[in-house]
């Protein structure tokens, strides 16, 4: 069994809990030691009872790079650094990777990461988003929301802006604003659309809108909407299709000129709407769950360790 040192802050109370779910799944498959603080890697290793075979580092989830780890260039253990939003922390991240001779980069977004860091392309391993299938699932809620959109509406998401402005006075349209990126206590999670309450709201929707932002990321909402058995209307693009998303089969591709026409069509055609939603639902649960992603990551680390 591979021994992993996972250096990361506690993400269990954040809006994005995916890496907390990943921690749980990895712990079922390997011996995992967690480290949550800043430090020099040599000092950290001396405090461990077992020398790790592989070091995973997650330090770009919050508003600053944390935990701050020094000395990674001076050890002979392979290190994998997660990269989430590739467009953030670019100068710091570039210097950090070079200075610490990081050997492997696990990138959530493939194309944007290659665009920003072409010199590191040979180190990149694609590690796309995923869902916790115990939360993002079909709750068999009554489909009493016709058109749903959730999340930020700003210049980063121009198609969301246009959809919101088109439907904001339409009684069939429901919009919930983004709750913000911060830690949430249990009471807040029960009041806001976070976790199971967020998933159940998606499950109520006949149609769910989103877009990949100006960065064309395959954002989590693509995975979450399908996992909750709602028909997703969102733009398609190559990176998304390379993940296995098939427009017209798993979701419905839209752009700024046709989203209203397509929404009307699929509201009217219940059988077709439910068929595509079910196909998307099965696709996510069979290919993009936290358990599946953890298994893929373990296999990749084992192949690196045993080279």
C-alpha atoms as a PDB file:
ATOM      1  CA  UNK A   1       0.000   0.000   0.000  1.00  0.00           C
ATOM      2  CA  UNK A   2       1.401   3.363  -1.054  1.00  0.00           C
ATOM      3  CA  UNK A   3       2.209   5.884   1.700  1.00  0.00           C
ATOM      4  CA  UNK A   4       1.101   9.441   0.925  1.00  0.00           C
ATOM      5  CA  UNK A   5       1.821  12.694   2.725  1.00  0.00           C
ATOM      6  CA  UNK A   6      -1.045  15.043   1.860  1.00  0.00           C
ATOM      7  CA  UNK A   7      -0.193  18.646   2.737  1.00  0.00           C
ATOM      8  CA  UNK A   8      -3.313  20.807   2.695  1.00  0.00           C
ATOM      9  CA  UNK A   9      -5.427  23.060   4.829  1.00  0.00           C
ATOM     10  CA  UNK A  10      -8.642  21.621   6.239  1.00  0.00           C
ATOM     11  CA  UNK A  11     -11.226  22.137   3.473  1.00  0.00           C
ATOM     12  CA  UNK A  12     -14.133  20.405   5.216  1.00  0.00           C
ATOM     13  CA  UNK A  13     -15.935  23.673   6.006  1.00  0.00           C
ATOM     14  CA  UNK A  14     -15.394  25.387   2.653  1.00  0.00           C
ATOM     15  CA  UNK A  15     -17.909  25.856  -0.127  1.00  0.00           C
ATOM     16  CA  UNK A  16     -15.763  23.640  -2.356  1.00  0.00           C
ATOM     17  CA  UNK A  17     -15.385  20.445  -0.343  1.00  0.00           C
ATOM     18  CA  UNK A  18     -14.126  18.309  -3.206  1.00  0.00           C
ATOM     19  CA  UNK A  19     -10.641  17.914  -1.785  1.00  0.00           C
ATOM     20  CA  UNK A  20     -12.091  16.968   1.590  1.00  0.00           C
ATOM     21  CA  UNK A  21     -14.064  14.249  -0.193  1.00  0.00           C
ATOM     22  CA  UNK A  22     -10.890  13.253  -2.034  1.00  0.00           C
ATOM     23  CA  UNK A  23      -9.049  12.947   1.293  1.00  0.00           C
ATOM     24  CA  UNK A  24     -11.728  10.554   2.539  1.00  0.00           C
ATOM     25  CA  UNK A  25     -11.540   8.373  -0.556  1.00  0.00           C
ATOM     26  CA  UNK A  26      -7.735   8.297  -0.643  1.00  0.00           C
ATOM     27  CA  UNK A  27      -7.661   7.189   3.006  1.00  0.00           C
ATOM     28  CA  UNK A  28      -9.673   4.105   2.010  1.00  0.00           C
ATOM     29  CA  UNK A  29      -7.117   3.129  -0.620  1.00  0.00           C
ATOM     30  CA  UNK A  30      -3.739   4.078   0.838  1.00  0.00           C
ATOM     31  CA  UNK A  31      -1.884   5.007   4.002  1.00  0.00           C
ATOM     32  CA  UNK A  32      -2.369   8.790   4.118  1.00  0.00           C
ATOM     33  CA  UNK A  33      -0.802  11.232   6.572  1.00  0.00           C
ATOM     34  CA  UNK A  34      -2.246  14.755   6.607  1.00  0.00           C
ATOM     35  CA  UNK A  35      -0.279  17.904   7.362  1.00  0.00           C
ATOM     36  CA  UNK A  36      -2.123  21.222   7.761  1.00  0.00           C
ATOM     37  CA  UNK A  37       0.576  23.761   8.673  1.00  0.00           C
ATOM     38  CA  UNK A  38       3.384  25.805   7.141  1.00  0.00           C
ATOM     39  CA  UNK A  39       6.867  24.362   7.490  1.00  0.00           C
ATOM     40  CA  UNK A  40      10.114  23.094   6.041  1.00  0.00           C
ATOM     41  CA  UNK A  41       9.660  19.684   4.448  1.00  0.00           C
ATOM     42  CA  UNK A  42      12.735  18.230   6.188  1.00  0.00           C
ATOM     43  CA  UNK A  43      11.309  19.142   9.603  1.00  0.00           C
ATOM     44  CA  UNK A  44       7.908  17.775   8.650  1.00  0.00           C
ATOM     45  CA  UNK A  45       9.361  14.451   7.493  1.00  0.00           C
ATOM     46  CA  UNK A  46      11.279  14.043  10.762  1.00  0.00           C
ATOM     47  CA  UNK A  47       7.994  14.257  12.686  1.00  0.00           C
ATOM     48  CA  UNK A  48       6.373  11.429  10.718  1.00  0.00           C
ATOM     49  CA  UNK A  49       6.481   7.803  11.806  1.00  0.00           C
ATOM     50  CA  UNK A  50       6.470   6.615   8.194  1.00  0.00           C
ATOM     51  CA  UNK A  51       8.468   8.053   5.301  1.00  0.00           C
ATOM     52  CA  UNK A  52       6.001   8.789   2.483  1.00  0.00           C
ATOM     53  CA  UNK A  53       6.365   7.401  -1.021  1.00  0.00           C
ATOM     54  CA  UNK A  54       4.634  10.441  -2.505  1.00  0.00           C
ATOM     55  CA  UNK A  55       3.812  13.984  -1.387  1.00  0.00           C
ATOM     56  CA  UNK A  56       0.586  15.686  -2.485  1.00  0.00           C
ATOM     57  CA  UNK A  57       0.422  19.456  -2.019  1.00  0.00           C
ATOM     58  CA  UNK A  58      -2.738  21.557  -2.206  1.00  0.00           C
ATOM     59  CA  UNK A  59      -2.111  25.227  -1.490  1.00  0.00           C
ATOM     60  CA  UNK A  60      -4.253  27.320  -3.863  1.00  0.00           C
ATOM     61  CA  UNK A  61      -7.831  26.930  -2.590  1.00  0.00           C
ATOM     62  CA  UNK A  62      -8.101  30.094  -0.457  1.00  0.00           C
ATOM     63  CA  UNK A  63      -7.283  33.756  -0.993  1.00  0.00           C
ATOM     64  CA  UNK A  64      -3.566  33.148  -0.460  1.00  0.00           C
ATOM     65  CA  UNK A  65      -1.059  30.359  -1.047  1.00  0.00           C
ATOM     66  CA  UNK A  66      -1.236  28.103   2.016  1.00  0.00           C
ATOM     67  CA  UNK A  67       0.269  26.001   3.525  1.00  0.00           C
ATOM     68  CA  UNK A  68       3.685  27.483   2.755  1.00  0.00           C
ATOM     69  CA  UNK A  69       6.177  24.626   2.393  1.00  0.00           C
ATOM     70  CA  UNK A  70       9.910  25.121   1.928  1.00  0.00           C
ATOM     71  CA  UNK A  71      12.754  22.833   0.905  1.00  0.00           C
ATOM     72  CA  UNK A  72      10.925  20.580  -1.551  1.00  0.00           C
ATOM     73  CA  UNK A  73      13.798  20.806  -4.034  1.00  0.00           C
ATOM     74  CA  UNK A  74      16.098  19.066  -1.557  1.00  0.00           C
ATOM     75  CA  UNK A  75      14.220  15.787  -1.085  1.00  0.00           C
ATOM     76  CA  UNK A  76      14.118  12.634  -3.209  1.00  0.00           C
ATOM     77  CA  UNK A  77      10.379  12.016  -2.798  1.00  0.00           C
ATOM     78  CA  UNK A  78       8.153  12.824  -5.805  1.00  0.00           C
ATOM     79  CA  UNK A  79       5.843  15.788  -5.243  1.00  0.00           C
ATOM     80  CA  UNK A  80       2.498  16.421  -6.931  1.00  0.00           C
ATOM     81  CA  UNK A  81       1.061  19.951  -6.801  1.00  0.00           C
ATOM     82  CA  UNK A  82      -2.652  20.494  -7.452  1.00  0.00           C
ATOM     83  CA  UNK A  83      -3.556  23.443  -9.679  1.00  0.00           C
ATOM     84  CA  UNK A  84      -7.176  24.572  -9.482  1.00  0.00           C
ATOM     85  CA  UNK A  85      -7.795  28.035 -10.943  1.00  0.00           C
ATOM     86  CA  UNK A  86      -4.778  28.261 -13.227  1.00  0.00           C
ATOM     87  CA  UNK A  87      -5.223  32.002 -13.771  1.00  0.00           C
ATOM     88  CA  UNK A  88      -4.671  32.837 -10.082  1.00  0.00           C
ATOM     89  CA  UNK A  89      -1.279  33.184  -8.347  1.00  0.00           C
ATOM     90  CA  UNK A  90       0.492  32.835 -11.701  1.00  0.00           C
ATOM     91  CA  UNK A  91       3.803  34.527 -10.850  1.00  0.00           C
ATOM     92  CA  UNK A  92       4.057  32.965  -7.423  1.00  0.00           C
ATOM     93  CA  UNK A  93       3.098  29.521  -8.706  1.00  0.00           C
ATOM     94  CA  UNK A  94       5.574  29.659 -11.577  1.00  0.00           C
ATOM     95  CA  UNK A  95       8.400  30.603  -9.199  1.00  0.00           C
ATOM     96  CA  UNK A  96       7.309  28.026  -6.635  1.00  0.00           C
ATOM     97  CA  UNK A  97       7.286  25.182  -9.170  1.00  0.00           C
ATOM     98  CA  UNK A  98      10.711  26.132 -10.527  1.00  0.00           C
ATOM     99  CA  UNK A  99      12.392  26.841  -7.195  1.00  0.00           C
ATOM    100  CA  UNK A 100      11.095  23.656  -5.573  1.00  0.00           C
ATOM    101  CA  UNK A 101      11.568  21.474  -8.666  1.00  0.00           C
ATOM    102  CA  UNK A 102       8.006  20.171  -8.425  1.00  0.00           C
ATOM    103  CA  UNK A 103       7.921  17.020 -10.522  1.00  0.00           C
ATOM    104  CA  UNK A 104       4.194  16.580 -11.144  1.00  0.00           C
ATOM    105  CA  UNK A 105       1.310  19.030 -11.606  1.00  0.00           C
ATOM    106  CA  UNK A 106      -2.252  17.749 -11.169  1.00  0.00           C
ATOM    107  CA  UNK A 107      -4.301  20.266 -13.130  1.00  0.00           C
ATOM    108  CA  UNK A 108      -8.084  20.612 -12.859  1.00  0.00           C
ATOM    109  CA  UNK A 109      -8.224  22.523 -16.157  1.00  0.00           C
ATOM    110  CA  UNK A 110      -6.049  21.217 -18.973  1.00  0.00           C
ATOM    111  CA  UNK A 111      -6.033  23.809 -21.744  1.00  0.00           C
ATOM    112  CA  UNK A 112      -5.859  26.957 -19.614  1.00  0.00           C
ATOM    113  CA  UNK A 113      -3.002  25.502 -17.606  1.00  0.00           C
ATOM    114  CA  UNK A 114      -1.055  24.693 -20.766  1.00  0.00           C
ATOM    115  CA  UNK A 115      -1.767  28.198 -22.088  1.00  0.00           C
ATOM    116  CA  UNK A 116      -0.473  29.904 -18.941  1.00  0.00           C
ATOM    117  CA  UNK A 117       2.384  27.526 -18.068  1.00  0.00           C
ATOM    118  CA  UNK A 118       3.570  26.024 -21.387  1.00  0.00           C
ATOM    119  CA  UNK A 119       7.041  25.425 -19.964  1.00  0.00           C
ATOM    120  CA  UNK A 120       5.563  22.949 -17.462  1.00  0.00           C
ATOM    121  CA  UNK A 121       3.367  21.003 -19.877  1.00  0.00           C
ATOM    122  CA  UNK A 122       5.579  17.913 -19.628  1.00  0.00           C
ATOM    123  CA  UNK A 123       4.870  17.792 -15.870  1.00  0.00           C
ATOM    124  CA  UNK A 124       1.094  18.084 -16.135  1.00  0.00           C
ATOM    125  CA  UNK A 125      -1.377  15.331 -15.276  1.00  0.00           C
ATOM    126  CA  UNK A 126      -5.029  16.102 -15.978  1.00  0.00           C
ATOM    127  CA  UNK A 127      -7.071  15.832 -12.783  1.00  0.00           C
ATOM    128  CA  UNK A 128     -10.595  17.067 -13.618  1.00  0.00           C
ATOM    129  CA  UNK A 129     -13.447  17.923 -11.276  1.00  0.00           C
ATOM    130  CA  UNK A 130     -15.650  15.219  -9.778  1.00  0.00           C
ATOM    131  CA  UNK A 131     -18.650  14.871  -7.474  1.00  0.00           C
ATOM    132  CA  UNK A 132     -19.336  13.219  -4.157  1.00  0.00           C
ATOM    133  CA  UNK A 133     -22.015  10.822  -5.392  1.00  0.00           C
ATOM    134  CA  UNK A 134     -23.508  10.520  -1.904  1.00  0.00           C
ATOM    135  CA  UNK A 135     -24.460  14.220  -2.059  1.00  0.00           C
ATOM    136  CA  UNK A 136     -24.840  14.924  -5.771  1.00  0.00           C
ATOM    137  CA  UNK A 137     -27.490  12.402  -6.732  1.00  0.00           C
ATOM    138  CA  UNK A 138     -31.145  12.019  -7.676  1.00  0.00           C
ATOM    139  CA  UNK A 139     -33.174  12.839  -4.556  1.00  0.00           C
ATOM    140  CA  UNK A 140     -36.400  12.267  -6.535  1.00  0.00           C
ATOM    141  CA  UNK A 141     -37.548  15.777  -5.738  1.00  0.00           C
ATOM    142  CA  UNK A 142     -40.626  17.075  -7.504  1.00  0.00           C
ATOM    143  CA  UNK A 143     -39.517  18.878 -10.676  1.00  0.00           C
ATOM    144  CA  UNK A 144     -41.240  22.136  -9.762  1.00  0.00           C
ATOM    145  CA  UNK A 145     -38.538  24.558 -10.970  1.00  0.00           C
ATOM    146  CA  UNK A 146     -38.672  25.094 -14.708  1.00  0.00           C
ATOM    147  CA  UNK A 147     -35.469  27.098 -15.210  1.00  0.00           C
ATOM    148  CA  UNK A 148     -32.712  27.338 -12.599  1.00  0.00           C
ATOM    149  CA  UNK A 149     -29.424  29.180 -12.412  1.00  0.00           C
ATOM    150  CA  UNK A 150     -27.136  29.396  -9.389  1.00  0.00           C
ATOM    151  CA  UNK A 151     -23.811  31.090  -8.756  1.00  0.00           C
ATOM    152  CA  UNK A 152     -21.998  34.239  -9.745  1.00  0.00           C
ATOM    153  CA  UNK A 153     -23.429  36.534 -12.409  1.00  0.00           C
ATOM    154  CA  UNK A 154     -20.746  38.978 -13.517  1.00  0.00           C
ATOM    155  CA  UNK A 155     -18.359  39.770 -16.360  1.00  0.00           C
ATOM    156  CA  UNK A 156     -16.473  36.520 -15.732  1.00  0.00           C
ATOM    157  CA  UNK A 157     -19.643  34.666 -16.771  1.00  0.00           C
ATOM    158  CA  UNK A 158     -21.074  36.684 -19.693  1.00  0.00           C
ATOM    159  CA  UNK A 159     -23.549  34.031 -20.824  1.00  0.00           C
ATOM    160  CA  UNK A 160     -24.970  33.767 -17.312  1.00  0.00           C
ATOM    161  CA  UNK A 161     -25.445  37.530 -17.384  1.00  0.00           C
ATOM    162  CA  UNK A 162     -27.398  37.354 -20.616  1.00  0.00           C
ATOM    163  CA  UNK A 163     -29.539  34.444 -19.392  1.00  0.00           C
ATOM    164  CA  UNK A 164     -30.278  36.233 -16.124  1.00  0.00           C
ATOM    165  CA  UNK A 165     -31.257  39.448 -17.875  1.00  0.00           C
ATOM    166  CA  UNK A 166     -33.459  37.523 -20.295  1.00  0.00           C
ATOM    167  CA  UNK A 167     -35.398  35.596 -17.645  1.00  0.00           C
ATOM    168  CA  UNK A 168     -35.223  37.772 -14.515  1.00  0.00           C
ATOM    169  CA  UNK A 169     -38.891  38.785 -14.824  1.00  0.00           C
ATOM    170  CA  UNK A 170     -40.052  35.319 -15.930  1.00  0.00           C
ATOM    171  CA  UNK A 171     -41.958  33.515 -13.158  1.00  0.00           C
ATOM    172  CA  UNK A 172     -40.573  30.174 -14.355  1.00  0.00           C
ATOM    173  CA  UNK A 173     -36.987  31.276 -13.677  1.00  0.00           C
ATOM    174  CA  UNK A 174     -35.280  30.827 -10.300  1.00  0.00           C
ATOM    175  CA  UNK A 175     -31.896  32.349  -9.502  1.00  0.00           C
ATOM    176  CA  UNK A 176     -29.817  31.907  -6.334  1.00  0.00           C
ATOM    177  CA  UNK A 177     -26.748  34.082  -5.913  1.00  0.00           C
ATOM    178  CA  UNK A 178     -23.311  32.734  -5.012  1.00  0.00           C
ATOM    179  CA  UNK A 179     -22.925  32.333  -1.216  1.00  0.00           C
ATOM    180  CA  UNK A 180     -19.263  33.365  -1.304  1.00  0.00           C
ATOM    181  CA  UNK A 181     -15.993  31.514  -0.886  1.00  0.00           C
ATOM    182  CA  UNK A 182     -15.453  31.165   2.840  1.00  0.00           C
ATOM    183  CA  UNK A 183     -15.920  28.718   5.689  1.00  0.00           C
ATOM    184  CA  UNK A 184     -19.489  27.870   6.648  1.00  0.00           C
ATOM    185  CA  UNK A 185     -20.829  26.526   9.934  1.00  0.00           C
ATOM    186  CA  UNK A 186     -23.599  23.929  10.139  1.00  0.00           C
ATOM    187  CA  UNK A 187     -26.330  26.520  10.660  1.00  0.00           C
ATOM    188  CA  UNK A 188     -25.233  28.475   7.568  1.00  0.00           C
ATOM    189  CA  UNK A 189     -25.103  25.305   5.495  1.00  0.00           C
ATOM    190  CA  UNK A 190     -28.703  24.534   6.473  1.00  0.00           C
ATOM    191  CA  UNK A 191     -29.842  28.031   5.473  1.00  0.00           C
ATOM    192  CA  UNK A 192     -27.848  28.578   2.283  1.00  0.00           C
ATOM    193  CA  UNK A 193     -27.767  26.547  -0.906  1.00  0.00           C
ATOM    194  CA  UNK A 194     -24.664  24.565   0.044  1.00  0.00           C
ATOM    195  CA  UNK A 195     -23.975  20.827   0.044  1.00  0.00           C
ATOM    196  CA  UNK A 196     -27.104  18.611   0.111  1.00  0.00           C
ATOM    197  CA  UNK A 197     -29.471  21.613   0.034  1.00  0.00           C
ATOM    198  CA  UNK A 198     -27.715  22.890  -3.102  1.00  0.00           C
ATOM    199  CA  UNK A 199     -27.874  19.430  -4.698  1.00  0.00           C
ATOM    200  CA  UNK A 200     -31.576  19.026  -3.867  1.00  0.00           C
ATOM    201  CA  UNK A 201     -32.321  22.416  -5.425  1.00  0.00           C
ATOM    202  CA  UNK A 202     -30.636  21.332  -8.657  1.00  0.00           C
ATOM    203  CA  UNK A 203     -32.605  18.082  -8.481  1.00  0.00           C
ATOM    204  CA  UNK A 204     -35.847  20.111  -8.434  1.00  0.00           C
ATOM    205  CA  UNK A 205     -34.976  21.785 -11.738  1.00  0.00           C
ATOM    206  CA  UNK A 206     -36.173  20.650 -15.123  1.00  0.00           C
ATOM    207  CA  UNK A 207     -33.433  22.750 -16.722  1.00  0.00           C
ATOM    208  CA  UNK A 208     -30.216  24.097 -15.199  1.00  0.00           C
ATOM    209  CA  UNK A 209     -28.136  26.816 -16.884  1.00  0.00           C
ATOM    210  CA  UNK A 210     -24.426  27.477 -16.531  1.00  0.00           C
ATOM    211  CA  UNK A 211     -21.397  28.520 -18.588  1.00  0.00           C
ATOM    212  CA  UNK A 212     -17.635  27.840 -18.469  1.00  0.00           C
ATOM    213  CA  UNK A 213     -16.617  31.456 -17.720  1.00  0.00           C
ATOM    214  CA  UNK A 214     -14.322  33.546 -19.904  1.00  0.00           C
ATOM    215  CA  UNK A 215     -11.565  31.043 -19.100  1.00  0.00           C
ATOM    216  CA  UNK A 216     -13.481  28.098 -20.590  1.00  0.00           C
ATOM    217  CA  UNK A 217     -13.037  25.888 -17.561  1.00  0.00           C
ATOM    218  CA  UNK A 218     -15.049  22.666 -17.261  1.00  0.00           C
ATOM    219  CA  UNK A 219     -16.402  24.028 -13.980  1.00  0.00           C
ATOM    220  CA  UNK A 220     -17.960  21.888 -11.244  1.00  0.00           C
ATOM    221  CA  UNK A 221     -21.499  22.899 -12.164  1.00  0.00           C
ATOM    222  CA  UNK A 222     -21.249  20.853 -15.373  1.00  0.00           C
ATOM    223  CA  UNK A 223     -20.658  17.777 -13.217  1.00  0.00           C
ATOM    224  CA  UNK A 224     -23.058  18.721 -10.414  1.00  0.00           C
ATOM    225  CA  UNK A 225     -26.074  19.452 -12.610  1.00  0.00           C
ATOM    226  CA  UNK A 226     -25.793  16.140 -14.428  1.00  0.00           C
ATOM    227  CA  UNK A 227     -25.147  14.229 -11.201  1.00  0.00           C
ATOM    228  CA  UNK A 228     -28.414  15.603  -9.769  1.00  0.00           C
ATOM    229  CA  UNK A 229     -30.448  14.485 -12.800  1.00  0.00           C
ATOM    230  CA  UNK A 230     -31.290  17.921 -14.147  1.00  0.00           C
ATOM    231  CA  UNK A 231     -31.067  18.739 -17.846  1.00  0.00           C
ATOM    232  CA  UNK A 232     -28.003  20.934 -18.265  1.00  0.00           C
ATOM    233  CA  UNK A 233     -28.035  23.718 -20.846  1.00  0.00           C
ATOM    234  CA  UNK A 234     -24.493  25.079 -21.216  1.00  0.00           C
ATOM    235  CA  UNK A 235     -21.861  25.735 -23.902  1.00  0.00           C
ATOM    236  CA  UNK A 236     -19.727  22.923 -25.176  1.00  0.00           C
ATOM    237  CA  UNK A 237     -15.990  23.115 -25.940  1.00  0.00           C
ATOM    238  CA  UNK A 238     -13.160  20.706 -26.715  1.00  0.00           C
ATOM    239  CA  UNK A 239     -11.831  20.173 -23.201  1.00  0.00           C
ATOM    240  CA  UNK A 240     -15.312  19.336 -21.949  1.00  0.00           C
ATOM    241  CA  UNK A 241     -15.918  16.880 -24.772  1.00  0.00           C
ATOM    242  CA  UNK A 242     -12.502  15.296 -24.152  1.00  0.00           C
ATOM    243  CA  UNK A 243     -13.800  14.507 -20.649  1.00  0.00           C
ATOM    244  CA  UNK A 244     -16.564  12.481 -22.280  1.00  0.00           C
ATOM    245  CA  UNK A 245     -19.380  15.043 -22.208  1.00  0.00           C
ATOM    246  CA  UNK A 246     -21.383  14.539 -25.404  1.00  0.00           C
ATOM    247  CA  UNK A 247     -23.621  17.466 -26.404  1.00  0.00           C
ATOM    248  CA  UNK A 248     -27.109  16.345 -27.337  1.00  0.00           C
ATOM    249  CA  UNK A 249     -26.653  13.107 -25.390  1.00  0.00           C
ATOM    250  CA  UNK A 250     -25.493  14.056 -21.861  1.00  0.00           C
ATOM    251  CA  UNK A 251     -26.456  17.746 -21.952  1.00  0.00           C
ATOM    252  CA  UNK A 252     -27.689  20.391 -24.398  1.00  0.00           C
ATOM    253  CA  UNK A 253     -25.171  22.794 -25.878  1.00  0.00           C
ATOM    254  CA  UNK A 254     -26.215  26.450 -26.017  1.00  0.00           C
ATOM    255  CA  UNK A 255     -24.796  29.833 -26.917  1.00  0.00           C
ATOM    256  CA  UNK A 256     -25.916  33.431 -26.447  1.00  0.00           C
ATOM    257  CA  UNK A 257     -28.156  33.259 -29.520  1.00  0.00           C
ATOM    258  CA  UNK A 258     -30.075  30.024 -28.986  1.00  0.00           C
ATOM    259  CA  UNK A 259     -30.452  29.370 -25.241  1.00  0.00           C
ATOM    260  CA  UNK A 260     -34.015  30.707 -25.095  1.00  0.00           C
ATOM    261  CA  UNK A 261     -35.156  28.659 -28.083  1.00  0.00           C
ATOM    262  CA  UNK A 262     -33.570  25.461 -26.731  1.00  0.00           C
ATOM    263  CA  UNK A 263     -34.937  25.999 -23.222  1.00  0.00           C
ATOM    264  CA  UNK A 264     -38.440  26.398 -24.644  1.00  0.00           C
ATOM    265  CA  UNK A 265     -38.050  23.240 -26.724  1.00  0.00           C
ATOM    266  CA  UNK A 266     -36.912  21.053 -23.833  1.00  0.00           C
ATOM    267  CA  UNK A 267     -39.508  22.433 -21.440  1.00  0.00           C
ATOM    268  CA  UNK A 268     -42.110  21.380 -23.972  1.00  0.00           C
ATOM    269  CA  UNK A 269     -40.559  17.980 -24.773  1.00  0.00           C
ATOM    270  CA  UNK A 270     -40.555  16.186 -21.447  1.00  0.00           C
ATOM    271  CA  UNK A 271     -39.583  12.738 -22.767  1.00  0.00           C
ATOM    272  CA  UNK A 272     -36.516  14.035 -24.590  1.00  0.00           C
ATOM    273  CA  UNK A 273     -35.573  16.236 -21.637  1.00  0.00           C
ATOM    274  CA  UNK A 274     -35.733  13.364 -19.169  1.00  0.00           C
ATOM    275  CA  UNK A 275     -33.848  11.029 -21.512  1.00  0.00           C
ATOM    276  CA  UNK A 276     -30.854  13.362 -21.882  1.00  0.00           C
ATOM    277  CA  UNK A 277     -30.879  14.178 -18.163  1.00  0.00           C
ATOM    278  CA  UNK A 278     -30.795  10.482 -17.264  1.00  0.00           C
ATOM    279  CA  UNK A 279     -27.975   9.793 -19.717  1.00  0.00           C
ATOM    280  CA  UNK A 280     -25.973  12.641 -18.203  1.00  0.00           C
ATOM    281  CA  UNK A 281     -26.755  11.411 -14.694  1.00  0.00           C
ATOM    282  CA  UNK A 282     -25.440   7.925 -15.433  1.00  0.00           C
ATOM    283  CA  UNK A 283     -22.377   9.314 -17.206  1.00  0.00           C
ATOM    284  CA  UNK A 284     -21.228  11.349 -14.208  1.00  0.00           C
ATOM    285  CA  UNK A 285     -21.828   8.625 -11.638  1.00  0.00           C
ATOM    286  CA  UNK A 286     -20.037   6.046 -13.780  1.00  0.00           C
ATOM    287  CA  UNK A 287     -17.035   8.209 -14.701  1.00  0.00           C
ATOM    288  CA  UNK A 288     -16.573  11.261 -12.475  1.00  0.00           C
ATOM    289  CA  UNK A 289     -17.202  10.386  -8.835  1.00  0.00           C
ATOM    290  CA  UNK A 290     -14.804  11.142  -5.979  1.00  0.00           C
ATOM    291  CA  UNK A 291     -14.176   7.411  -5.586  1.00  0.00           C
ATOM    292  CA  UNK A 292     -13.250   7.012  -9.248  1.00  0.00           C
ATOM    293  CA  UNK A 293     -10.980  10.063  -9.203  1.00  0.00           C
ATOM    294  CA  UNK A 294      -9.203   8.812  -6.056  1.00  0.00           C
ATOM    295  CA  UNK A 295      -8.578   5.443  -7.720  1.00  0.00           C
ATOM    296  CA  UNK A 296      -7.149   7.187 -10.785  1.00  0.00           C
ATOM    297  CA  UNK A 297      -4.885   9.319  -8.614  1.00  0.00           C
ATOM    298  CA  UNK A 298      -3.609   6.326  -6.646  1.00  0.00           C
ATOM    299  CA  UNK A 299      -2.771   4.483  -9.869  1.00  0.00           C
ATOM    300  CA  UNK A 300      -0.907   7.509 -11.194  1.00  0.00           C
ATOM    301  CA  UNK A 301       1.117   7.941  -7.991  1.00  0.00           C
ATOM    302  CA  UNK A 302       1.930   4.214  -7.895  1.00  0.00           C
ATOM    303  CA  UNK A 303       3.143   4.320 -11.491  1.00  0.00           C
ATOM    304  CA  UNK A 304       5.403   7.283 -10.631  1.00  0.00           C
ATOM    305  CA  UNK A 305       6.768   5.649  -7.474  1.00  0.00           C
ATOM    306  CA  UNK A 306       7.453   2.315  -9.185  1.00  0.00           C
ATOM    307  CA  UNK A 307       9.108   3.713 -12.320  1.00  0.00           C
END
